Structure formats: structure tokens, C-alpha cells
Amino acid sequence: MNRLKFRSENVLKAIPGSLRAVAAILIPISILVICLKSNANKIGSPPATATFDKWQGYVRMRRGNGQAQGINQQLHMQSNTDVLEVNGSVGGNEHWVHLLFRRGTNRNVQYPMVQAGTDSAFTSYRFPCKVENGGVVIGWGLSQNRNRVCERITVGLPGWRSSMGDARIARKSKVRAGSKDTYIAQNTPSELTVEPSDGRNLVYIRNLNGSLVIDVLVGGVTIRSTASERPLMIVTEGMRYTNSGDGGEGNKAVIPKNEAYSLPVQIFLNPDNWSLDAQEDVQEFRKDLSRWVEPPSGPEFEPRPIPGGQTPPLTPTPTPTPSPPRIVI
């Protein structure tokens, strides 16, 4: 504020005497308005945070170069140095975590809804919207109803570094650095961004047979190269995009229907794996996906009650025949 006062005094000296009195009144008022507007923006737009909704297995978070720690309900991600680390799922032991984005103390869910893990590879996810390795399922909602924290998500393998045990490393090279082993992720020539269309969008991203694969299960996305920002391809619902790995456009093909409900997708679409305030959104994704591919049978895909009302089943079920009245003698 002292610096602003000094500058205003210099401005007054440069103004002709006849206008100096008017300027002496208007300049301080302008400075006050600017300061109030700046403070109002800071108060009204607190940074978004990612909270750990529910999880299973071995999940940890690392802040910058700090020590990784196990997650809990009080811990949250808030800086782009925060990295989530999820063990690879092998032998039927699934490791995953569900993230919900919130702004300040607002309990409303803000998109995207993220599931990190349930992949055979070690998964690393950097706040707020960067997938560095492994597999993720991401759901965006209706933009006109709720704010999106991430308008797009970046996928690929940048030069992320970490000192970690061999059991928690997947697809990383090891080099000797003094007396300690340092693990450096292999760089890829092209990172991609996935930008959702309006409405609900659900995508499943992972490494498949050495290639980055994006299954668009609901909605549609625009895939761009981070190097040039040019659109590589628009991928619509029911289509699979496979990255060429050399900066080219890649290719797309129809998602095999028997692969649309892979285990990671089933875990994401199970309402029991989310808190109550997110279950309605999960049910909407389930209904959208069922419009082009029938869900598998099983208790995890039976309809569940939602606070404030009952959600109809994904597929019609026959009305049970009422039992005859019981006669007591």
C-alpha cells in the first residue's frame, strides 16, 4: 500500500494545478477499489482440494520430496507437488482410491471424480489433473450444474522422480546416484490431454500392451498433444483411442462389449465404493453406460437406494407375483 501511495504522489505532481485537486480525490478511491476487488477475489475463490473419499489396499501420498504417508480422511491433496501412489493390483488384491474435488468447505462434488489404481502397474496421480503412470477411471459431470476443477486431464509419463522401494516401482529405470538408488521415470516423446465434451463423460485410461489406451465409455473427448495443443482426434462414446507413442494421431476402434465393464470400471460404478453425496452421480454414469452396452449381472450392479429417492434399475425386471393372503384359523 505504501508503494501505491508513493506512485500516486508522483502522478499528482505530473498533473496541471487546475486538475490536481480533482485527481487527489479520484486516485485514492481508485486504489481502494482495486485493493478491495483483489481481496474479494482471494476470499471468494479458495483453491480446490482433492479429498480421499474411499479406498482399498496400499495407498500413500507424497508431498514434494517429503516422506510418503498412508492416507486418511483428514489428509487431502492441495498442491501440484502432491503425488498419490497406489500399488499395482496383482493376485486378486485390488488397490485403489477414489478422489472427490471440493472448493473450500463446500460439500458439493466438483468434477472430475477420479479413481486411481486397480491396475497391474504402479499408479501415480499428481494433483490436480495429471496421470503419470498406471490406470485411472475419470468421470466428468454436467458443467452447467457444477463446476469442473479440471477442464482437461494430462496423461503420459513425464520425468517424475522418486526414491522408492523396488516393490512399489513399475516400468521405471534405476540408476546409481551416490550411495542411494534413484528411480527415474522413462520420458515419453508426447504427453496428451483429454478434454471432455459438455454433459457427462466417463473414460478409462491405462497402459495396454505397451500403449496408452483411452476408452470413452460415456460422452466424448478431444485428445490433444501437449507439445502443440493441436487436436489429434475426437473420440466419441463406445470408442477406444490408442496412442501411437511417436507424436502422431494414433488410432481408434470400437470398444469390445465384453471389455466395456472391466473390473476397474465395475469398481468405479459400484455406489458402495463412494460416499453418500457421490452415489447419485455414480448411478447416472451407470445408466449412461447401460444405454449402449448391457451391464453384467451380479450384486454390485443391482440398484441401490439414493438419499432423497429411489433410483430405477438399469434394466427392466419382472414384477413379482404377490403371495396369496395367509389365512389363520
Protein backbone atom coordinates (compact mmCIF):
# COMPACT_ATOMS: atom_id res chain seq x y z
CA MET A 1 0.00 0.00 0.00
CA ASN A 2 2.94 2.37 0.72
CA ARG A 3 4.23 1.67 -2.79
CA LEU A 4 0.84 2.59 -4.27
CA LYS A 5 0.81 5.80 -2.19
CA PHE A 6 4.28 6.75 -3.47
CA ARG A 7 3.22 6.19 -7.07
CA SER A 8 0.03 8.25 -6.62
CA GLU A 9 2.05 11.20 -5.26
CA ASN A 10 4.29 11.10 -8.34
CA VAL A 11 1.22 11.05 -10.59
CA LEU A 12 -0.21 14.12 -8.79
CA LYS A 13 2.98 16.11 -9.38
CA ALA A 14 2.70 15.46 -13.13
CA ILE A 15 -0.88 16.77 -13.33
CA PRO A 16 -1.55 20.50 -14.04
CA GLY A 17 -2.51 22.55 -10.98
CA SER A 18 -6.11 23.13 -12.09
CA LEU A 19 -6.83 19.38 -12.15
CA ARG A 20 -4.67 18.37 -9.21
CA ALA A 21 -7.42 18.79 -6.60
CA VAL A 22 -9.81 16.53 -8.52
CA ALA A 23 -7.11 13.92 -9.11
CA ALA A 24 -6.18 13.98 -5.42
CA ILE A 25 -9.68 12.68 -4.66
CA LEU A 26 -10.12 10.20 -7.53
CA ILE A 27 -6.76 8.41 -7.40
CA PRO A 28 -7.04 7.19 -3.76
CA ILE A 29 -10.59 5.99 -4.47
CA SER A 30 -9.36 4.01 -7.50
CA ILE A 31 -6.59 2.42 -5.43
CA LEU A 32 -9.09 1.46 -2.73
CA VAL A 33 -11.41 -0.19 -5.28
CA ILE A 34 -8.54 -2.19 -6.77
CA CYS A 35 -7.43 -3.44 -3.34
CA LEU A 36 -10.96 -4.39 -2.31
CA LYS A 37 -11.53 -6.25 -5.57
CA SER A 38 -8.27 -8.12 -5.17
CA ASN A 39 -9.10 -9.18 -1.63
CA ALA A 40 -12.62 -10.15 -2.63
CA ASN A 41 -11.24 -12.46 -5.31
CA LYS A 42 -8.97 -14.13 -2.81
CA ILE A 43 -11.79 -14.70 -0.34
CA GLY A 44 -14.40 -15.77 -2.89
CA SER A 45 -12.21 -18.23 -4.84
CA PRO A 46 -10.44 -20.53 -2.39
CA PRO A 47 -8.29 -23.22 -4.03
CA ALA A 48 -9.86 -26.61 -4.75
CA THR A 49 -8.69 -29.65 -2.81
CA ALA A 50 -8.98 -33.36 -3.52
CA THR A 51 -10.24 -35.46 -0.63
CA PHE A 52 -9.89 -39.21 -0.26
CA ASP A 53 -13.44 -40.49 -0.40
CA LYS A 54 -12.95 -44.27 -0.08
CA TRP A 55 -10.06 -46.59 -0.80
CA GLN A 56 -8.81 -50.15 -0.57
CA GLY A 57 -5.36 -51.68 -0.28
CA TYR A 58 -1.98 -49.94 -0.16
CA VAL A 59 -2.35 -46.23 -0.99
CA ARG A 60 0.06 -43.44 0.01
CA MET A 61 0.59 -39.75 -0.72
CA ARG A 62 3.84 -37.82 -1.08
CA ARG A 63 4.19 -34.03 -0.75
CA GLY A 64 7.07 -32.95 -2.97
CA ASN A 65 10.26 -34.64 -1.83
CA GLY A 66 8.79 -35.49 1.56
CA GLN A 67 8.19 -38.91 3.02
CA ALA A 68 5.23 -40.81 1.61
CA GLN A 69 2.48 -41.44 4.17
CA GLY A 70 -0.65 -43.51 4.35
CA ILE A 71 -3.84 -41.63 3.53
CA ASN A 72 -6.76 -40.92 5.84
CA GLN A 73 -9.98 -38.90 5.84
CA GLN A 74 -8.24 -35.80 7.25
CA LEU A 75 -5.49 -35.79 4.61
CA HIS A 76 -6.08 -34.12 1.24
CA MET A 77 -4.24 -33.10 -1.93
CA GLN A 78 -3.84 -29.37 -2.50
CA SER A 79 -0.62 -28.65 -4.43
CA ASN A 80 0.85 -29.74 -7.76
CA THR A 81 3.72 -31.27 -5.79
CA ASP A 82 1.30 -33.74 -4.16
CA VAL A 83 1.51 -37.19 -5.75
CA LEU A 84 -0.76 -40.12 -4.99
CA GLU A 85 0.90 -43.56 -5.08
CA VAL A 86 -1.16 -46.73 -5.47
CA ASN A 87 0.31 -50.22 -5.51
CA GLY A 88 -0.18 -52.42 -8.53
CA SER A 89 -3.08 -54.89 -8.22
CA VAL A 90 -1.87 -58.47 -8.55
CA GLY A 91 -3.11 -61.87 -7.46
CA GLY A 92 -6.67 -60.66 -6.95
CA ASN A 93 -5.61 -57.99 -4.42
CA GLU A 94 -7.08 -54.73 -5.69
CA HIS A 95 -5.55 -51.40 -4.67
CA TRP A 96 -7.50 -48.24 -5.49
CA VAL A 97 -8.56 -44.84 -4.14
CA HIS A 98 -11.47 -42.54 -5.02
CA LEU A 99 -10.89 -38.78 -5.11
CA LEU A 100 -13.55 -36.09 -4.82
CA PHE A 101 -12.74 -32.46 -5.57
CA ARG A 102 -14.19 -29.73 -3.38
CA ARG A 103 -13.78 -25.97 -3.08
CA GLY A 104 -13.37 -24.57 0.40
CA THR A 105 -15.91 -26.02 2.79
CA ASN A 106 -18.45 -26.70 0.03
CA ARG A 107 -19.64 -30.31 0.32
CA ASN A 108 -20.90 -30.44 -3.27
CA VAL A 109 -18.91 -32.73 -5.52
CA GLN A 110 -16.93 -30.92 -8.22
CA TYR A 111 -15.73 -32.75 -11.28
CA PRO A 112 -13.93 -34.85 -12.16
CA MET A 113 -14.50 -37.89 -9.95
CA VAL A 114 -11.25 -39.86 -10.07
CA GLN A 115 -10.41 -43.48 -9.38
CA ALA A 116 -6.65 -44.13 -9.26
CA GLY A 117 -5.35 -47.68 -9.20
CA THR A 118 -6.80 -51.15 -9.92
CA ASP A 119 -4.05 -51.58 -12.48
CA SER A 120 -1.34 -54.22 -12.71
CA ALA A 121 1.19 -51.38 -12.79
CA PHE A 122 2.04 -48.97 -10.00
CA THR A 123 -0.21 -45.86 -10.37
CA SER A 124 0.92 -42.31 -9.70
CA TYR A 125 -1.52 -39.40 -9.91
CA ARG A 126 -0.40 -35.79 -9.42
CA PHE A 127 -2.75 -33.08 -8.13
CA PRO A 128 -4.90 -31.81 -9.61
CA CYS A 129 -5.21 -33.45 -13.05
CA LYS A 130 -2.15 -35.41 -14.12
CA VAL A 131 -1.80 -39.18 -14.58
CA GLU A 132 1.86 -40.14 -14.55
CA ASN A 133 1.62 -43.93 -14.58
CA GLY A 134 -0.82 -46.79 -14.11
CA GLY A 135 -4.58 -46.76 -14.62
CA VAL A 136 -7.38 -44.32 -13.81
CA VAL A 137 -11.13 -44.04 -14.36
CA ILE A 138 -12.37 -40.46 -14.60
CA GLY A 139 -15.92 -39.12 -14.63
CA TRP A 140 -16.93 -35.57 -15.56
CA GLY A 141 -20.45 -34.32 -14.90
CA LEU A 142 -22.77 -31.64 -16.22
CA SER A 143 -20.77 -28.41 -16.41
CA GLN A 144 -23.85 -26.19 -16.22
CA ASN A 145 -24.84 -27.72 -12.87
CA ARG A 146 -21.48 -27.99 -11.12
CA ASN A 147 -18.05 -26.50 -11.58
CA ARG A 148 -15.25 -28.53 -13.06
CA VAL A 149 -12.00 -28.32 -11.16
CA CYS A 150 -10.20 -29.87 -14.15
CA GLU A 151 -11.35 -28.87 -17.62
CA ARG A 152 -8.90 -31.42 -19.01
CA ILE A 153 -6.54 -34.07 -17.70
CA THR A 154 -2.94 -34.72 -18.76
CA VAL A 155 -1.79 -38.29 -19.32
CA GLY A 156 1.63 -39.72 -20.07
CA LEU A 157 4.95 -40.29 -18.38
CA PRO A 158 6.87 -37.05 -17.65
CA GLY A 159 10.21 -37.02 -15.82
CA TRP A 160 8.73 -37.71 -12.41
CA ARG A 161 11.34 -38.71 -9.83
CA SER A 162 11.06 -40.59 -6.59
CA SER A 163 13.15 -42.68 -4.23
CA MET A 164 11.14 -45.78 -3.53
CA GLY A 165 11.46 -49.48 -2.81
CA ASP A 166 11.62 -52.00 -5.64
CA ALA A 167 8.23 -53.46 -4.66
CA ARG A 168 6.50 -50.17 -5.48
CA ILE A 169 8.19 -49.43 -8.83
CA ALA A 170 6.65 -50.28 -12.17
CA ARG A 171 8.13 -49.53 -15.58
CA LYS A 172 10.85 -47.26 -14.24
CA SER A 173 14.61 -47.37 -14.75
CA LYS A 174 17.11 -47.44 -11.87
CA VAL A 175 20.41 -45.53 -11.86
CA ARG A 176 23.07 -45.33 -9.19
CA ALA A 177 23.33 -41.91 -7.53
CA GLY A 178 25.99 -41.96 -4.83
CA SER A 179 25.09 -44.49 -2.16
CA LYS A 180 21.35 -44.43 -2.92
CA ASP A 181 19.26 -45.84 -5.73
CA THR A 182 17.31 -43.20 -7.64
CA TYR A 183 14.38 -44.15 -9.81
CA ILE A 184 13.65 -42.03 -12.85
CA ALA A 185 10.54 -42.46 -14.96
CA GLN A 186 11.17 -43.03 -18.65
CA ASN A 187 10.28 -39.93 -20.65
CA THR A 188 7.76 -40.21 -23.46
CA PRO A 189 8.01 -38.09 -26.61
CA SER A 190 4.43 -36.89 -26.29
CA GLU A 191 2.04 -36.24 -23.43
CA LEU A 192 -1.63 -35.95 -24.16
CA THR A 193 -4.52 -34.00 -22.73
CA VAL A 194 -8.05 -35.41 -22.59
CA GLU A 195 -10.72 -32.72 -22.72
CA PRO A 196 -14.34 -33.81 -22.08
CA SER A 197 -17.37 -32.63 -24.03
CA ASP A 198 -20.36 -30.99 -22.36
CA GLY A 199 -22.54 -33.25 -20.26
CA ARG A 200 -21.45 -36.47 -18.56
CA ASN A 201 -18.23 -38.14 -19.67
CA LEU A 202 -16.60 -41.33 -18.37
CA VAL A 203 -13.18 -42.50 -19.54
CA TYR A 204 -10.85 -45.34 -18.57
CA ILE A 205 -7.14 -44.69 -19.15
CA ARG A 206 -4.34 -47.23 -18.80
CA ASN A 207 -1.32 -48.85 -20.43
CA LEU A 208 -2.32 -51.81 -22.60
CA ASN A 209 0.33 -53.93 -24.32
CA GLY A 210 2.83 -51.08 -24.07
CA SER A 211 0.50 -48.38 -25.47
CA LEU A 212 -1.53 -45.66 -23.82
CA VAL A 213 -5.21 -46.55 -24.27
CA ILE A 214 -8.27 -44.36 -23.57
CA ASP A 215 -11.71 -45.98 -23.54
CA VAL A 216 -14.53 -43.43 -23.89
CA LEU A 217 -17.40 -45.13 -22.06
CA VAL A 218 -19.80 -42.17 -21.79
CA GLY A 219 -19.88 -38.89 -23.73
CA GLY A 220 -16.94 -37.83 -25.87
CA VAL A 221 -13.46 -36.30 -25.55
CA THR A 222 -10.98 -34.27 -27.56
CA ILE A 223 -7.42 -35.59 -27.38
CA ARG A 224 -4.61 -33.10 -27.89
CA SER A 225 -0.82 -33.14 -27.93
CA THR A 226 0.65 -31.08 -25.09
CA ALA A 227 3.55 -30.11 -27.35
CA SER A 228 1.43 -28.32 -29.96
CA GLU A 229 -2.05 -28.09 -28.38
CA ARG A 230 -3.43 -29.21 -31.73
CA PRO A 231 -6.33 -31.67 -31.61
CA LEU A 232 -5.18 -35.17 -32.52
CA MET A 233 -8.58 -36.82 -32.53
CA ILE A 234 -12.17 -36.53 -31.31
CA VAL A 235 -13.26 -39.80 -29.70
CA THR A 236 -16.93 -40.50 -29.12
CA GLU A 237 -18.82 -42.86 -26.81
CA GLY A 238 -18.06 -46.54 -27.31
CA MET A 239 -14.70 -45.91 -29.00
CA ARG A 240 -11.15 -46.74 -27.88
CA TYR A 241 -8.21 -44.45 -28.63
CA THR A 242 -4.69 -45.91 -28.77
CA ASN A 243 -1.75 -43.51 -28.73
CA SER A 244 0.88 -44.09 -31.40
CA GLY A 245 3.65 -43.11 -28.96
CA ASP A 246 5.52 -41.07 -31.57
CA GLY A 247 3.53 -37.85 -31.50
CA GLY A 248 1.24 -38.99 -34.30
CA GLU A 249 -2.54 -39.01 -34.31
CA GLY A 250 -2.93 -42.56 -33.01
CA ASN A 251 -5.93 -44.65 -33.95
CA LYS A 252 -9.38 -45.53 -32.68
CA ALA A 253 -11.53 -48.64 -32.75
CA VAL A 254 -14.80 -49.87 -31.25
CA ILE A 255 -14.53 -50.99 -27.61
CA PRO A 256 -15.29 -54.72 -27.42
CA LYS A 257 -18.53 -55.00 -25.46
CA ASN A 258 -17.10 -57.67 -23.20
CA GLU A 259 -14.36 -55.19 -22.19
CA ALA A 260 -16.59 -52.18 -21.52
CA TYR A 261 -17.27 -53.36 -17.96
CA SER A 262 -13.72 -54.27 -16.98
CA LEU A 263 -13.03 -54.72 -13.27
CA PRO A 264 -11.72 -51.14 -12.77
CA VAL A 265 -14.90 -49.77 -14.36
CA GLN A 266 -17.07 -52.02 -12.17
CA ILE A 267 -15.26 -50.78 -9.06
CA PHE A 268 -15.86 -47.15 -10.12
CA LEU A 269 -19.55 -47.79 -10.85
CA ASN A 270 -20.24 -49.55 -7.57
CA PRO A 271 -22.08 -46.97 -5.39
CA ASP A 272 -20.89 -48.72 -2.22
CA ASN A 273 -17.36 -47.61 -3.12
CA TRP A 274 -18.34 -43.92 -2.78
CA SER A 275 -19.71 -41.74 -0.01
CA LEU A 276 -23.41 -40.90 0.02
CA ASP A 277 -23.04 -37.47 -1.60
CA ALA A 278 -21.37 -39.04 -4.67
CA GLN A 279 -23.63 -42.06 -5.18
CA GLU A 280 -26.24 -40.25 -7.25
CA ASP A 281 -23.54 -39.28 -9.76
CA VAL A 282 -22.32 -42.88 -9.92
CA GLN A 283 -25.84 -44.07 -10.68
CA GLU A 284 -26.10 -41.59 -13.55
CA PHE A 285 -22.86 -42.89 -15.08
CA ARG A 286 -24.18 -46.46 -14.75
CA LYS A 287 -27.39 -45.56 -16.59
CA ASP A 288 -25.50 -43.72 -19.35
CA LEU A 289 -23.17 -46.67 -19.96
CA SER A 290 -26.04 -49.16 -19.98
CA ARG A 291 -27.61 -47.35 -22.94
CA TRP A 292 -25.12 -48.87 -25.39
CA VAL A 293 -23.87 -51.97 -23.57
CA GLU A 294 -25.76 -54.18 -21.14
CA PRO A 295 -24.13 -54.38 -17.68
CA PRO A 296 -23.05 -57.74 -16.33
CA SER A 297 -25.19 -59.43 -13.74
CA GLY A 298 -24.14 -59.52 -10.11
CA PRO A 299 -24.93 -57.91 -6.76
CA GLU A 300 -22.59 -54.98 -7.44
CA PHE A 301 -24.84 -53.93 -10.33
CA GLU A 302 -28.16 -54.20 -8.53
CA PRO A 303 -29.91 -50.82 -7.96
CA ARG A 304 -29.28 -49.16 -4.61
CA PRO A 305 -31.33 -46.56 -2.74
CA ILE A 306 -30.12 -42.99 -3.11
CA PRO A 307 -30.75 -40.32 -0.45
CA GLY A 308 -33.90 -38.42 -1.37
CA GLY A 309 -35.37 -41.04 -3.64
CA GLN A 310 -35.12 -44.43 -5.28
CA THR A 311 -33.11 -44.99 -8.45
CA PRO A 312 -34.80 -47.24 -11.04
CA PRO A 313 -32.94 -50.39 -12.12
CA LEU A 314 -30.66 -50.24 -15.14
CA THR A 315 -32.66 -52.94 -16.95
CA PRO A 316 -36.35 -53.79 -16.59
CA THR A 317 -37.12 -56.51 -14.06
CA PRO A 318 -40.35 -58.54 -13.94
CA THR A 319 -42.91 -57.53 -11.35
CA PRO A 320 -43.08 -60.26 -8.67
CA THR A 321 -46.37 -62.11 -8.29
CA PRO A 322 -47.96 -61.23 -4.93
CA SER A 323 -48.27 -64.07 -2.43
CA PRO A 324 -51.83 -65.25 -1.60
CA PRO A 325 -53.23 -63.93 1.69
CA ARG A 326 -52.40 -66.00 4.71
CA ILE A 327 -55.45 -67.49 6.49
CA VAL A 328 -55.12 -68.04 10.21
CA ILE A 329 -57.57 -70.49 11.85
